[in-house]
PDB file of all heavy atoms in Angstrom:
ATOM      1  N   ILE A   1     -18.444  10.151   0.023  1.00  0.00           N
ATOM      2  CA  ILE A   1     -19.399  10.503   1.070  1.00  0.00           C
ATOM      3  C   ILE A   1     -19.511   9.302   2.001  1.00  0.00           C
ATOM      4  O   ILE A   1     -19.757   8.185   1.553  1.00  0.00           O
ATOM      5  CB  ILE A   1     -20.784  10.850   0.490  1.00  0.00           C
ATOM      6  CG1 ILE A   1     -20.674  12.042  -0.457  1.00  0.00           C
ATOM      7  CG2 ILE A   1     -21.776  11.129   1.605  1.00  0.00           C
ATOM      8  CD1 ILE A   1     -21.953  12.357  -1.193  1.00  0.00           C
ATOM      9  N   GLN A   2     -19.317   9.552   3.289  1.00  0.00           N
ATOM     10  CA  GLN A   2     -19.458   8.476   4.269  1.00  0.00           C
ATOM     11  C   GLN A   2     -20.890   8.477   4.774  1.00  0.00           C
ATOM     12  O   GLN A   2     -21.428   9.519   5.133  1.00  0.00           O
ATOM     13  CB  GLN A   2     -18.493   8.662   5.433  1.00  0.00           C
ATOM     14  CG  GLN A   2     -18.589   7.535   6.432  1.00  0.00           C
ATOM     15  CD  GLN A   2     -17.621   7.685   7.578  1.00  0.00           C
ATOM     16  OE1 GLN A   2     -16.751   8.529   7.556  1.00  0.00           O
ATOM     17  NE2 GLN A   2     -17.778   6.868   8.590  1.00  0.00           N
ATOM     18  N   LEU A   3     -21.495   7.303   4.804  1.00  0.00           N
ATOM     19  CA  LEU A   3     -22.895   7.170   5.209  1.00  0.00           C
ATOM     20  C   LEU A   3     -23.039   6.081   6.256  1.00  0.00           C
ATOM     21  O   LEU A   3     -22.289   5.107   6.265  1.00  0.00           O
ATOM     22  CB  LEU A   3     -23.758   6.787   4.001  1.00  0.00           C
ATOM     23  CG  LEU A   3     -23.704   7.723   2.807  1.00  0.00           C
ATOM     24  CD1 LEU A   3     -24.280   7.048   1.586  1.00  0.00           C
ATOM     25  CD2 LEU A   3     -24.439   9.000   3.114  1.00  0.00           C
ATOM     26  N   ASP A   4     -24.060   6.245   7.105  1.00  0.00           N
ATOM     27  CA  ASP A   4     -24.388   5.131   7.987  1.00  0.00           C
ATOM     28  C   ASP A   4     -25.221   4.149   7.162  1.00  0.00           C
ATOM     29  O   ASP A   4     -25.422   4.336   5.968  1.00  0.00           O
ATOM     30  CB  ASP A   4     -25.113   5.597   9.248  1.00  0.00           C
ATOM     31  CG  ASP A   4     -26.438   6.292   8.965  1.00  0.00           C
ATOM     32  OD1 ASP A   4     -27.004   6.095   7.866  1.00  0.00           O
ATOM     33  OD2 ASP A   4     -26.915   7.025   9.842  1.00  0.00           O
ATOM     34  N   ASN A   5     -25.685   3.112   7.771  1.00  0.00           N
ATOM     35  CA  ASN A   5     -26.429   2.095   7.021  1.00  0.00           C
ATOM     36  C   ASN A   5     -27.930   2.288   7.114  1.00  0.00           C
ATOM     37  O   ASN A   5     -28.684   1.318   7.074  1.00  0.00           O
ATOM     38  CB  ASN A   5     -26.029   0.695   7.494  1.00  0.00           C
ATOM     39  CG  ASN A   5     -24.837   0.179   6.723  1.00  0.00           C
ATOM     40  OD1 ASN A   5     -24.883   0.106   5.509  1.00  0.00           O
ATOM     41  ND2 ASN A   5     -23.765  -0.145   7.419  1.00  0.00           N
ATOM     42  N   GLY A   6     -28.379   3.523   7.241  1.00  0.00           N
ATOM     43  CA  GLY A   6     -29.810   3.808   7.268  1.00  0.00           C
ATOM     44  C   GLY A   6     -30.479   3.382   5.968  1.00  0.00           C
ATOM     45  O   GLY A   6     -29.881   3.457   4.893  1.00  0.00           O
ATOM     46  N   GLY A   7     -31.722   2.953   6.069  1.00  0.00           N
ATOM     47  CA  GLY A   7     -32.455   2.483   4.902  1.00  0.00           C
ATOM     48  C   GLY A   7     -32.535   3.510   3.786  1.00  0.00           C
ATOM     49  O   GLY A   7     -32.483   3.169   2.608  1.00  0.00           O
ATOM     50  N   LEU A   8     -32.637   4.767   4.151  1.00  0.00           N
ATOM     51  CA  LEU A   8     -32.716   5.830   3.155  1.00  0.00           C
ATOM     52  C   LEU A   8     -31.477   5.862   2.271  1.00  0.00           C
ATOM     53  O   LEU A   8     -31.549   6.135   1.078  1.00  0.00           O
ATOM     54  CB  LEU A   8     -32.902   7.183   3.846  1.00  0.00           C
ATOM     55  CG  LEU A   8     -32.922   8.405   2.940  1.00  0.00           C
ATOM     56  CD1 LEU A   8     -34.132   8.360   2.018  1.00  0.00           C
ATOM     57  CD2 LEU A   8     -32.948   9.670   3.770  1.00  0.00           C
ATOM     58  N   HIS A   9     -30.328   5.549   2.849  1.00  0.00           N
ATOM     59  CA  HIS A   9     -29.080   5.587   2.093  1.00  0.00           C
ATOM     60  C   HIS A   9     -28.936   4.408   1.128  1.00  0.00           C
ATOM     61  O   HIS A   9     -28.028   4.377   0.313  1.00  0.00           O
ATOM     62  CB  HIS A   9     -27.881   5.629   3.050  1.00  0.00           C
ATOM     63  CG  HIS A   9     -27.870   6.859   3.877  1.00  0.00           C
ATOM     64  ND1 HIS A   9     -27.519   6.846   5.203  1.00  0.00           N
ATOM     65  CD2 HIS A   9     -28.196   8.144   3.589  1.00  0.00           C
ATOM     66  CE1 HIS A   9     -27.613   8.067   5.694  1.00  0.00           C
ATOM     67  NE2 HIS A   9     -28.019   8.868   4.729  1.00  0.00           N
ATOM     68  N   HIS A  10     -29.813   3.446   1.235  1.00  0.00           N
ATOM     69  CA  HIS A  10     -29.771   2.291   0.345  1.00  0.00           C
ATOM     70  C   HIS A  10     -30.942   2.304  -0.639  1.00  0.00           C
ATOM     71  O   HIS A  10     -31.249   1.291  -1.246  1.00  0.00           O
ATOM     72  CB  HIS A  10     -29.804   0.988   1.159  1.00  0.00           C
ATOM     73  CG  HIS A  10     -28.549   0.749   1.933  1.00  0.00           C
ATOM     74  ND1 HIS A  10     -27.403   0.255   1.356  1.00  0.00           N
ATOM     75  CD2 HIS A  10     -28.256   0.958   3.245  1.00  0.00           C
ATOM     76  CE1 HIS A  10     -26.459   0.161   2.280  1.00  0.00           C
ATOM     77  NE2 HIS A  10     -26.949   0.579   3.429  1.00  0.00           N
ATOM     78  N   ALA A  11     -31.603   3.444  -0.774  1.00  0.00           N
ATOM     79  CA  ALA A  11     -32.742   3.545  -1.685  1.00  0.00           C
ATOM     80  C   ALA A  11     -32.308   3.175  -3.100  1.00  0.00           C
ATOM     81  O   ALA A  11     -31.212   3.496  -3.539  1.00  0.00           O
ATOM     82  CB  ALA A  11     -33.318   4.957  -1.651  1.00  0.00           C
ATOM     83  N   LEU A  12     -33.172   2.487  -3.790  1.00  0.00           N
ATOM     84  CA  LEU A  12     -32.833   2.020  -5.130  1.00  0.00           C
ATOM     85  C   LEU A  12     -32.985   3.087  -6.205  1.00  0.00           C
ATOM     86  O   LEU A  12     -32.459   2.940  -7.299  1.00  0.00           O
ATOM     87  CB  LEU A  12     -33.706   0.806  -5.484  1.00  0.00           C
ATOM     88  CG  LEU A  12     -33.527  -0.416  -4.584  1.00  0.00           C
ATOM     89  CD1 LEU A  12     -34.521  -1.497  -4.978  1.00  0.00           C
ATOM     90  CD2 LEU A  12     -32.106  -0.945  -4.679  1.00  0.00           C
ATOM     91  N   ASP A  13     -33.699   4.149  -5.903  1.00  0.00           N
ATOM     92  CA  ASP A  13     -33.995   5.126  -6.941  1.00  0.00           C
ATOM     93  C   ASP A  13     -33.099   6.367  -6.907  1.00  0.00           C
ATOM     94  O   ASP A  13     -33.430   7.364  -7.520  1.00  0.00           O
ATOM     95  CB  ASP A  13     -35.472   5.528  -6.872  1.00  0.00           C
ATOM     96  CG  ASP A  13     -35.845   6.157  -5.535  1.00  0.00           C
ATOM     97  OD1 ASP A  13     -35.057   6.045  -4.582  1.00  0.00           O
ATOM     98  OD2 ASP A  13     -36.926   6.768  -5.447  1.00  0.00           O
ATOM     99  N   ILE A  14     -31.977   6.313  -6.221  1.00  0.00           N
ATOM    100  CA  ILE A  14     -31.067   7.460  -6.254  1.00  0.00           C
ATOM    101  C   ILE A  14     -30.007   7.244  -7.324  1.00  0.00           C
ATOM    102  O   ILE A  14     -29.556   6.133  -7.557  1.00  0.00           O
ATOM    103  CB  ILE A  14     -30.382   7.730  -4.891  1.00  0.00           C
ATOM    104  CG1 ILE A  14     -29.872   6.463  -4.232  1.00  0.00           C
ATOM    105  CG2 ILE A  14     -31.234   8.504  -3.965  1.00  0.00           C
ATOM    106  CD1 ILE A  14     -29.104   6.724  -2.954  1.00  0.00           C
ATOM    107  N   THR A  15     -29.668   8.336  -7.961  1.00  0.00           N
ATOM    108  CA  THR A  15     -28.624   8.301  -8.977  1.00  0.00           C
ATOM    109  C   THR A  15     -27.366   8.886  -8.373  1.00  0.00           C
ATOM    110  O   THR A  15     -27.377  10.003  -7.877  1.00  0.00           O
ATOM    111  CB  THR A  15     -29.049   9.121 -10.206  1.00  0.00           C
ATOM    112  OG1 THR A  15     -30.280   8.599 -10.693  1.00  0.00           O
ATOM    113  CG2 THR A  15     -27.994   9.051 -11.288  1.00  0.00           C
ATOM    114  N   ILE A  16     -26.300   8.118  -8.414  1.00  0.00           N
ATOM    115  CA  ILE A  16     -25.043   8.560  -7.834  1.00  0.00           C
ATOM    116  C   ILE A  16     -24.087   8.882  -8.985  1.00  0.00           C
ATOM    117  O   ILE A  16     -23.807   8.017  -9.816  1.00  0.00           O
ATOM    118  CB  ILE A  16     -24.446   7.466  -6.928  1.00  0.00           C
ATOM    119  CG1 ILE A  16     -25.443   7.123  -5.825  1.00  0.00           C
ATOM    120  CG2 ILE A  16     -23.114   7.909  -6.347  1.00  0.00           C
ATOM    121  CD1 ILE A  16     -25.156   5.847  -5.106  1.00  0.00           C
ATOM    122  N   PRO A  17     -23.619  10.126  -9.036  1.00  0.00           N
ATOM    123  CA  PRO A  17     -22.687  10.490 -10.119  1.00  0.00           C
ATOM    124  C   PRO A  17     -21.431   9.627 -10.089  1.00  0.00           C
ATOM    125  O   PRO A  17     -21.034   9.098  -9.049  1.00  0.00           O
ATOM    126  CB  PRO A  17     -22.342  11.954  -9.806  1.00  0.00           C
ATOM    127  CG  PRO A  17     -23.430  12.428  -8.913  1.00  0.00           C
ATOM    128  CD  PRO A  17     -23.909  11.236  -8.153  1.00  0.00           C
ATOM    129  N   ASP A  18     -20.805   9.487 -11.243  1.00  0.00           N
ATOM    130  CA  ASP A  18     -19.613   8.645 -11.363  1.00  0.00           C
ATOM    131  C   ASP A  18     -18.453   9.134 -10.502  1.00  0.00           C
ATOM    132  O   ASP A  18     -17.603   8.343 -10.110  1.00  0.00           O
ATOM    133  CB  ASP A  18     -19.153   8.583 -12.826  1.00  0.00           C
ATOM    134  CG  ASP A  18     -20.138   7.809 -13.687  1.00  0.00           C
ATOM    135  OD1 ASP A  18     -20.883   6.975 -13.144  1.00  0.00           O
ATOM    136  OD2 ASP A  18     -20.149   8.049 -14.912  1.00  0.00           O
ATOM    137  N   ASN A  19     -18.414  10.428 -10.207  1.00  0.00           N
ATOM    138  CA  ASN A  19     -17.295  10.965  -9.426  1.00  0.00           C
ATOM    139  C   ASN A  19     -17.553  10.925  -7.917  1.00  0.00           C
ATOM    140  O   ASN A  19     -16.793  11.490  -7.148  1.00  0.00           O
ATOM    141  CB  ASN A  19     -16.962  12.386  -9.869  1.00  0.00           C
ATOM    142  CG  ASN A  19     -18.096  13.350  -9.588  1.00  0.00           C
ATOM    143  OD1 ASN A  19     -19.243  12.956  -9.403  1.00  0.00           O
ATOM    144  ND2 ASN A  19     -17.785  14.630  -9.574  1.00  0.00           N
ATOM    145  N   ILE A  20     -18.606  10.252  -7.496  1.00  0.00           N
ATOM    146  CA  ILE A  20     -18.938  10.126  -6.074  1.00  0.00           C
ATOM    147  C   ILE A  20     -18.811   8.662  -5.669  1.00  0.00           C
ATOM    148  O   ILE A  20     -19.331   7.767  -6.319  1.00  0.00           O
ATOM    149  CB  ILE A  20     -20.386  10.607  -5.784  1.00  0.00           C
ATOM    150  CG1 ILE A  20     -20.559  12.069  -6.153  1.00  0.00           C
ATOM    151  CG2 ILE A  20     -20.762  10.354  -4.331  1.00  0.00           C
ATOM    152  CD1 ILE A  20     -19.779  13.036  -5.287  1.00  0.00           C
ATOM    153  N   LEU A  21     -18.112   8.436  -4.568  1.00  0.00           N
ATOM    154  CA  LEU A  21     -17.956   7.098  -4.010  1.00  0.00           C
ATOM    155  C   LEU A  21     -18.650   7.087  -2.653  1.00  0.00           C
ATOM    156  O   LEU A  21     -18.377   7.945  -1.806  1.00  0.00           O
ATOM    157  CB  LEU A  21     -16.473   6.762  -3.838  1.00  0.00           C
ATOM    158  CG  LEU A  21     -16.139   5.461  -3.130  1.00  0.00           C
ATOM    159  CD1 LEU A  21     -16.591   4.268  -3.977  1.00  0.00           C
ATOM    160  CD2 LEU A  21     -14.658   5.377  -2.865  1.00  0.00           C
ATOM    161  N   LEU A  22     -19.569   6.137  -2.458  1.00  0.00           N
ATOM    162  CA  LEU A  22     -20.249   6.009  -1.174  1.00  0.00           C
ATOM    163  C   LEU A  22     -19.484   5.020  -0.307  1.00  0.00           C
ATOM    164  O   LEU A  22     -19.200   3.899  -0.738  1.00  0.00           O
ATOM    165  CB  LEU A  22     -21.688   5.533  -1.373  1.00  0.00           C
ATOM    166  CG  LEU A  22     -22.586   6.425  -2.205  1.00  0.00           C
ATOM    167  CD1 LEU A  22     -23.993   5.844  -2.276  1.00  0.00           C
ATOM    168  CD2 LEU A  22     -22.623   7.844  -1.661  1.00  0.00           C
ATOM    169  N   LEU A  23     -19.149   5.440   0.898  1.00  0.00           N
ATOM    170  CA  LEU A  23     -18.458   4.575   1.854  1.00  0.00           C
ATOM    171  C   LEU A  23     -19.406   4.360   3.027  1.00  0.00           C
ATOM    172  O   LEU A  23     -19.683   5.284   3.786  1.00  0.00           O
ATOM    173  CB  LEU A  23     -17.161   5.225   2.324  1.00  0.00           C
ATOM    174  CG  LEU A  23     -16.362   4.463   3.371  1.00  0.00           C
ATOM    175  CD1 LEU A  23     -15.892   3.121   2.814  1.00  0.00           C
ATOM    176  CD2 LEU A  23     -15.172   5.279   3.828  1.00  0.00           C
ATOM    177  N   PHE A  24     -19.940   3.154   3.133  1.00  0.00           N
ATOM    178  CA  PHE A  24     -20.891   2.840   4.191  1.00  0.00           C
ATOM    179  C   PHE A  24     -20.141   2.372   5.429  1.00  0.00           C
ATOM    180  O   PHE A  24     -19.294   1.490   5.355  1.00  0.00           O
ATOM    181  CB  PHE A  24     -21.872   1.755   3.735  1.00  0.00           C
ATOM    182  CG  PHE A  24     -22.856   2.255   2.722  1.00  0.00           C
ATOM    183  CD1 PHE A  24     -22.604   2.127   1.381  1.00  0.00           C
ATOM    184  CD2 PHE A  24     -24.019   2.883   3.128  1.00  0.00           C
ATOM    185  CE1 PHE A  24     -23.493   2.593   0.438  1.00  0.00           C
ATOM    186  CE2 PHE A  24     -24.919   3.367   2.201  1.00  0.00           C
ATOM    187  CZ  PHE A  24     -24.657   3.221   0.850  1.00  0.00           C
ATOM    188  N   GLN A  25     -20.462   2.996   6.553  1.00  0.00           N
ATOM    189  CA  GLN A  25     -19.839   2.572   7.805  1.00  0.00           C
ATOM    190  C   GLN A  25     -20.585   1.352   8.335  1.00  0.00           C
ATOM    191  O   GLN A  25     -21.743   1.135   7.994  1.00  0.00           O
ATOM    192  CB  GLN A  25     -19.849   3.708   8.817  1.00  0.00           C
ATOM    193  CG  GLN A  25     -21.232   4.119   9.287  1.00  0.00           C
ATOM    194  CD  GLN A  25     -21.191   5.391  10.102  1.00  0.00           C
ATOM    195  OE1 GLN A  25     -20.471   6.307   9.789  1.00  0.00           O
ATOM    196  NE2 GLN A  25     -21.980   5.437  11.148  1.00  0.00           N
ATOM    197  N   PRO A  26     -19.927   0.531   9.144  1.00  0.00           N
ATOM    198  CA  PRO A  26     -20.590  -0.646   9.704  1.00  0.00           C
ATOM    199  C   PRO A  26     -21.793  -0.250  10.559  1.00  0.00           C
ATOM    200  O   PRO A  26     -21.820   0.833  11.155  1.00  0.00           O
ATOM    201  CB  PRO A  26     -19.505  -1.287  10.575  1.00  0.00           C
ATOM    202  CG  PRO A  26     -18.223  -0.727  10.070  1.00  0.00           C
ATOM    203  CD  PRO A  26     -18.535   0.643   9.550  1.00  0.00           C
ATOM    204  N   ALA A  27     -22.774  -1.133  10.595  1.00  0.00           N
ATOM    205  CA  ALA A  27     -23.971  -0.873  11.401  1.00  0.00           C
ATOM    206  C   ALA A  27     -23.606  -0.728  12.881  1.00  0.00           C
ATOM    207  O   ALA A  27     -22.700  -1.398  13.369  1.00  0.00           O
ATOM    208  CB  ALA A  27     -24.965  -2.014  11.218  1.00  0.00           C
ATOM    209  N   TYR A  28     -24.309   0.147  13.555  1.00  0.00           N
ATOM    210  CA  TYR A  28     -24.145   0.360  14.997  1.00  0.00           C
ATOM    211  C   TYR A  28     -22.699   0.666  15.381  1.00  0.00           C
ATOM    212  O   TYR A  28     -22.140   0.052  16.285  1.00  0.00           O
ATOM    213  CB  TYR A  28     -24.662  -0.846  15.791  1.00  0.00           C
ATOM    214  CG  TYR A  28     -26.056  -1.240  15.402  1.00  0.00           C
ATOM    215  CD1 TYR A  28     -26.298  -2.372  14.636  1.00  0.00           C
ATOM    216  CD2 TYR A  28     -27.141  -0.442  15.758  1.00  0.00           C
ATOM    217  CE1 TYR A  28     -27.582  -2.715  14.251  1.00  0.00           C
ATOM    218  CE2 TYR A  28     -28.432  -0.781  15.380  1.00  0.00           C
ATOM    219  CZ  TYR A  28     -28.650  -1.916  14.629  1.00  0.00           C
ATOM    220  OH  TYR A  28     -29.915  -2.239  14.252  1.00  0.00           O
ATOM    221  N   SER A  29     -22.098   1.580  14.690  1.00  0.00           N
ATOM    222  CA  SER A  29     -20.702   1.926  14.979  1.00  0.00           C
ATOM    223  C   SER A  29     -20.496   3.439  14.978  1.00  0.00           C
ATOM    224  O   SER A  29     -19.826   3.979  14.096  1.00  0.00           O
ATOM    225  CB  SER A  29     -19.781   1.256  13.966  1.00  0.00           C
ATOM    226  OG  SER A  29     -20.171   1.614  12.663  1.00  0.00           O
ATOM    227  N   PRO A  30     -21.057   4.124  15.958  1.00  0.00           N
ATOM    228  CA  PRO A  30     -20.895   5.586  15.999  1.00  0.00           C
ATOM    229  C   PRO A  30     -19.442   6.015  16.145  1.00  0.00           C
ATOM    230  O   PRO A  30     -19.081   7.128  15.789  1.00  0.00           O
ATOM    231  CB  PRO A  30     -21.718   6.009  17.211  1.00  0.00           C
ATOM    232  CG  PRO A  30     -21.818   4.790  18.057  1.00  0.00           C
ATOM    233  CD  PRO A  30     -21.802   3.628  17.094  1.00  0.00           C
ATOM    234  N   GLN A  31     -18.578   5.111  16.629  1.00  0.00           N
ATOM    235  CA  GLN A  31     -17.171   5.465  16.815  1.00  0.00           C
ATOM    236  C   GLN A  31     -16.461   5.744  15.496  1.00  0.00           C
ATOM    237  O   GLN A  31     -15.403   6.358  15.487  1.00  0.00           O
ATOM    238  CB  GLN A  31     -16.429   4.392  17.619  1.00  0.00           C
ATOM    239  CG  GLN A  31     -16.272   3.071  16.925  1.00  0.00           C
ATOM    240  CD  GLN A  31     -17.457   2.133  17.068  1.00  0.00           C
ATOM    241  OE1 GLN A  31     -18.537   2.528  17.490  1.00  0.00           O
ATOM    242  NE2 GLN A  31     -17.254   0.883  16.705  1.00  0.00           N
ATOM    243  N   VAL A  32     -17.020   5.315  14.369  1.00  0.00           N
ATOM    244  CA  VAL A  32     -16.393   5.609  13.078  1.00  0.00           C
ATOM    245  C   VAL A  32     -17.114   6.724  12.324  1.00  0.00           C
ATOM    246  O   VAL A  32     -16.811   6.989  11.171  1.00  0.00           O
ATOM    247  CB  VAL A  32     -16.289   4.350  12.183  1.00  0.00           C
ATOM    248  CG1 VAL A  32     -15.416   3.310  12.832  1.00  0.00           C
ATOM    249  CG2 VAL A  32     -17.651   3.805  11.833  1.00  0.00           C
ATOM    250  N   ASN A  33     -18.046   7.379  12.982  1.00  0.00           N
ATOM    251  CA  ASN A  33     -18.776   8.478  12.367  1.00  0.00           C
ATOM    252  C   ASN A  33     -18.034   9.782  12.657  1.00  0.00           C
ATOM    253  O   ASN A  33     -17.889  10.171  13.813  1.00  0.00           O
ATOM    254  CB  ASN A  33     -20.195   8.533  12.932  1.00  0.00           C
ATOM    255  CG  ASN A  33     -21.075   9.510  12.211  1.00  0.00           C
ATOM    256  OD1 ASN A  33     -20.596  10.423  11.543  1.00  0.00           O
ATOM    257  ND2 ASN A  33     -22.372   9.331  12.362  1.00  0.00           N
ATOM    258  N   PRO A  34     -17.562  10.473  11.628  1.00  0.00           N
ATOM    259  CA  PRO A  34     -16.786  11.697  11.857  1.00  0.00           C
ATOM    260  C   PRO A  34     -17.514  12.751  12.691  1.00  0.00           C
ATOM    261  O   PRO A  34     -16.891  13.479  13.451  1.00  0.00           O
ATOM    262  CB  PRO A  34     -16.520  12.223  10.442  1.00  0.00           C
ATOM    263  CG  PRO A  34     -16.603  11.037   9.574  1.00  0.00           C
ATOM    264  CD  PRO A  34     -17.642  10.147  10.204  1.00  0.00           C
ATOM    265  N   ILE A  35     -18.826  12.817  12.590  1.00  0.00           N
ATOM    266  CA  ILE A  35     -19.556  13.834  13.361  1.00  0.00           C
ATOM    267  C   ILE A  35     -19.435  13.568  14.859  1.00  0.00           C
ATOM    268  O   ILE A  35     -19.461  14.494  15.669  1.00  0.00           O
ATOM    269  CB  ILE A  35     -21.034  13.939  12.911  1.00  0.00           C
ATOM    270  CG1 ILE A  35     -21.679  15.211  13.451  1.00  0.00           C
ATOM    271  CG2 ILE A  35     -21.825  12.721  13.344  1.00  0.00           C
ATOM    272  CD1 ILE A  35     -21.115  16.490  12.925  1.00  0.00           C
ATOM    273  N   GLU A  36     -19.271  12.315  15.240  1.00  0.00           N
ATOM    274  CA  GLU A  36     -19.105  11.987  16.655  1.00  0.00           C
ATOM    275  C   GLU A  36     -17.808  12.587  17.203  1.00  0.00           C
ATOM    276  O   GLU A  36     -17.784  13.120  18.307  1.00  0.00           O
ATOM    277  CB  GLU A  36     -19.123  10.473  16.869  1.00  0.00           C
ATOM    278  CG  GLU A  36     -20.427   9.801  16.499  1.00  0.00           C
ATOM    279  CD  GLU A  36     -21.581  10.187  17.408  1.00  0.00           C
ATOM    280  OE1 GLU A  36     -21.349  10.592  18.565  1.00  0.00           O
ATOM    281  OE2 GLU A  36     -22.729  10.078  16.943  1.00  0.00           O
ATOM    282  N   ARG A  37     -16.736  12.507  16.426  1.00  0.00           N
ATOM    283  CA  ARG A  37     -15.467  13.119  16.862  1.00  0.00           C
ATOM    284  C   ARG A  37     -15.600  14.631  16.927  1.00  0.00           C
ATOM    285  O   ARG A  37     -15.050  15.278  17.813  1.00  0.00           O
ATOM    286  CB  ARG A  37     -14.336  12.727  15.919  1.00  0.00           C
ATOM    287  CG  ARG A  37     -13.914  11.293  16.090  1.00  0.00           C
ATOM    288  CD  ARG A  37     -12.733  10.945  15.247  1.00  0.00           C
ATOM    289  NE  ARG A  37     -11.524  11.638  15.696  1.00  0.00           N
ATOM    290  CZ  ARG A  37     -10.373  11.594  15.065  1.00  0.00           C
ATOM    291  NH1 ARG A  37     -10.250  10.906  13.956  1.00  0.00           N
ATOM    292  NH2 ARG A  37      -9.333  12.233  15.524  1.00  0.00           N
ATOM    293  N   PHE A  38     -16.306  15.191  15.978  1.00  0.00           N
ATOM    294  CA  PHE A  38     -16.521  16.633  15.961  1.00  0.00           C
ATOM    295  C   PHE A  38     -17.279  17.063  17.220  1.00  0.00           C
ATOM    296  O   PHE A  38     -16.907  18.032  17.877  1.00  0.00           O
ATOM    297  CB  PHE A  38     -17.295  17.011  14.696  1.00  0.00           C
ATOM    298  CG  PHE A  38     -17.601  18.466  14.594  1.00  0.00           C
ATOM    299  CD1 PHE A  38     -16.592  19.379  14.306  1.00  0.00           C
ATOM    300  CD2 PHE A  38     -18.884  18.937  14.774  1.00  0.00           C
ATOM    301  CE1 PHE A  38     -16.864  20.720  14.214  1.00  0.00           C
ATOM    302  CE2 PHE A  38     -19.165  20.275  14.681  1.00  0.00           C
ATOM    303  CZ  PHE A  38     -18.153  21.180  14.402  1.00  0.00           C
ATOM    304  N   CYS A  39     -18.315  16.319  17.568  1.00  0.00           N
ATOM    305  CA  CYS A  39     -19.083  16.632  18.779  1.00  0.00           C
ATOM    306  C   CYS A  39     -18.228  16.498  20.035  1.00  0.00           C
ATOM    307  O   CYS A  39     -18.372  17.277  20.974  1.00  0.00           O
ATOM    308  CB  CYS A  39     -20.318  15.749  18.872  1.00  0.00           C
ATOM    309  SG  CYS A  39     -21.584  16.173  17.675  1.00  0.00           S
ATOM    310  N   GLN A  40     -17.330  15.526  20.063  1.00  0.00           N
ATOM    311  CA  GLN A  40     -16.424  15.373  21.208  1.00  0.00           C
ATOM    312  C   GLN A  40     -15.555  16.614  21.369  1.00  0.00           C
ATOM    313  O   GLN A  40     -15.313  17.064  22.492  1.00  0.00           O
ATOM    314  CB  GLN A  40     -15.543  14.145  21.034  1.00  0.00           C
ATOM    315  CG  GLN A  40     -16.250  12.847  21.248  1.00  0.00           C
ATOM    316  CD  GLN A  40     -15.344  11.650  20.980  1.00  0.00           C
ATOM    317  OE1 GLN A  40     -14.196  11.794  20.557  1.00  0.00           O
ATOM    318  NE2 GLN A  40     -15.872  10.458  21.205  1.00  0.00           N
ATOM    319  N   GLU A  41     -15.091  17.162  20.258  1.00  0.00           N
ATOM    320  CA  GLU A  41     -14.274  18.382  20.329  1.00  0.00           C
ATOM    321  C   GLU A  41     -15.078  19.550  20.877  1.00  0.00           C
ATOM    322  O   GLU A  41     -14.582  20.320  21.693  1.00  0.00           O
ATOM    323  CB  GLU A  41     -13.700  18.724  18.946  1.00  0.00           C
ATOM    324  CG  GLU A  41     -12.642  17.777  18.468  1.00  0.00           C
ATOM    325  CD  GLU A  41     -11.443  17.731  19.411  1.00  0.00           C
ATOM    326  OE1 GLU A  41     -10.913  18.799  19.776  1.00  0.00           O
ATOM    327  OE2 GLU A  41     -11.022  16.618  19.774  1.00  0.00           O
ATOM    328  N   LEU A  42     -16.324  19.685  20.437  1.00  0.00           N
ATOM    329  CA  LEU A  42     -17.167  20.766  20.956  1.00  0.00           C
ATOM    330  C   LEU A  42     -17.432  20.583  22.447  1.00  0.00           C
ATOM    331  O   LEU A  42     -17.421  21.556  23.207  1.00  0.00           O
ATOM    332  CB  LEU A  42     -18.488  20.838  20.188  1.00  0.00           C
ATOM    333  CG  LEU A  42     -18.394  21.403  18.780  1.00  0.00           C
ATOM    334  CD1 LEU A  42     -19.759  21.328  18.094  1.00  0.00           C
ATOM    335  CD2 LEU A  42     -17.880  22.828  18.777  1.00  0.00           C
ATOM    336  N   LYS A  43     -17.641  19.352  22.859  1.00  0.00           N
ATOM    337  CA  LYS A  43     -17.876  19.083  24.282  1.00  0.00           C
ATOM    338  C   LYS A  43     -16.662  19.462  25.121  1.00  0.00           C
ATOM    339  O   LYS A  43     -16.798  19.970  26.227  1.00  0.00           O
ATOM    340  CB  LYS A  43     -18.230  17.618  24.502  1.00  0.00           C
ATOM    341  CG  LYS A  43     -19.604  17.256  24.019  1.00  0.00           C
ATOM    342  CD  LYS A  43     -19.853  15.764  24.206  1.00  0.00           C
ATOM    343  CE  LYS A  43     -21.162  15.345  23.612  1.00  0.00           C
ATOM    344  NZ  LYS A  43     -21.389  13.895  23.733  1.00  0.00           N
ATOM    345  N   LYS A  44     -15.463  19.215  24.586  1.00  0.00           N
ATOM    346  CA  LYS A  44     -14.244  19.605  25.304  1.00  0.00           C
ATOM    347  C   LYS A  44     -14.203  21.110  25.539  1.00  0.00           C
ATOM    348  O   LYS A  44     -13.773  21.573  26.598  1.00  0.00           O
ATOM    349  CB  LYS A  44     -12.999  19.188  24.517  1.00  0.00           C
ATOM    350  CG  LYS A  44     -12.701  17.721  24.543  1.00  0.00           C
ATOM    351  CD  LYS A  44     -11.453  17.443  23.714  1.00  0.00           C
ATOM    352  CE  LYS A  44     -11.246  15.984  23.480  1.00  0.00           C
ATOM    353  NZ  LYS A  44     -10.089  15.727  22.600  1.00  0.00           N
ATOM    354  N   LEU A  45     -14.636  21.870  24.560  1.00  0.00           N
ATOM    355  CA  LEU A  45     -14.624  23.329  24.687  1.00  0.00           C
ATOM    356  C   LEU A  45     -15.663  23.832  25.685  1.00  0.00           C
ATOM    357  O   LEU A  45     -15.468  24.858  26.324  1.00  0.00           O
ATOM    358  CB  LEU A  45     -14.902  23.982  23.322  1.00  0.00           C
ATOM    359  CG  LEU A  45     -13.842  23.778  22.251  1.00  0.00           C
ATOM    360  CD1 LEU A  45     -14.354  24.270  20.907  1.00  0.00           C
ATOM    361  CD2 LEU A  45     -12.565  24.525  22.626  1.00  0.00           C
ATOM    362  N   LEU A  46     -16.752  23.112  25.802  1.00  0.00           N
ATOM    363  CA  LEU A  46     -17.872  23.588  26.608  1.00  0.00           C
ATOM    364  C   LEU A  46     -17.991  22.948  27.990  1.00  0.00           C
ATOM    365  O   LEU A  46     -18.749  23.433  28.824  1.00  0.00           O
ATOM    366  CB  LEU A  46     -19.185  23.344  25.852  1.00  0.00           C
ATOM    367  CG  LEU A  46     -19.338  24.069  24.529  1.00  0.00           C
ATOM    368  CD1 LEU A  46     -20.562  23.558  23.789  1.00  0.00           C
ATOM    369  CD2 LEU A  46     -19.433  25.571  24.739  1.00  0.00           C
TER     370      LEU A  46
END
């Protein structure tokens, strides 16, 4: 799961299953957020 560096994503009380790997993107880097590319594609259509 790719996550931004929001404080909620660093909460100490979450349990992460062994088969899940968290990949934190660098702070202030929307260019590496997959949803941004997805939105660009929708904008092209519209």
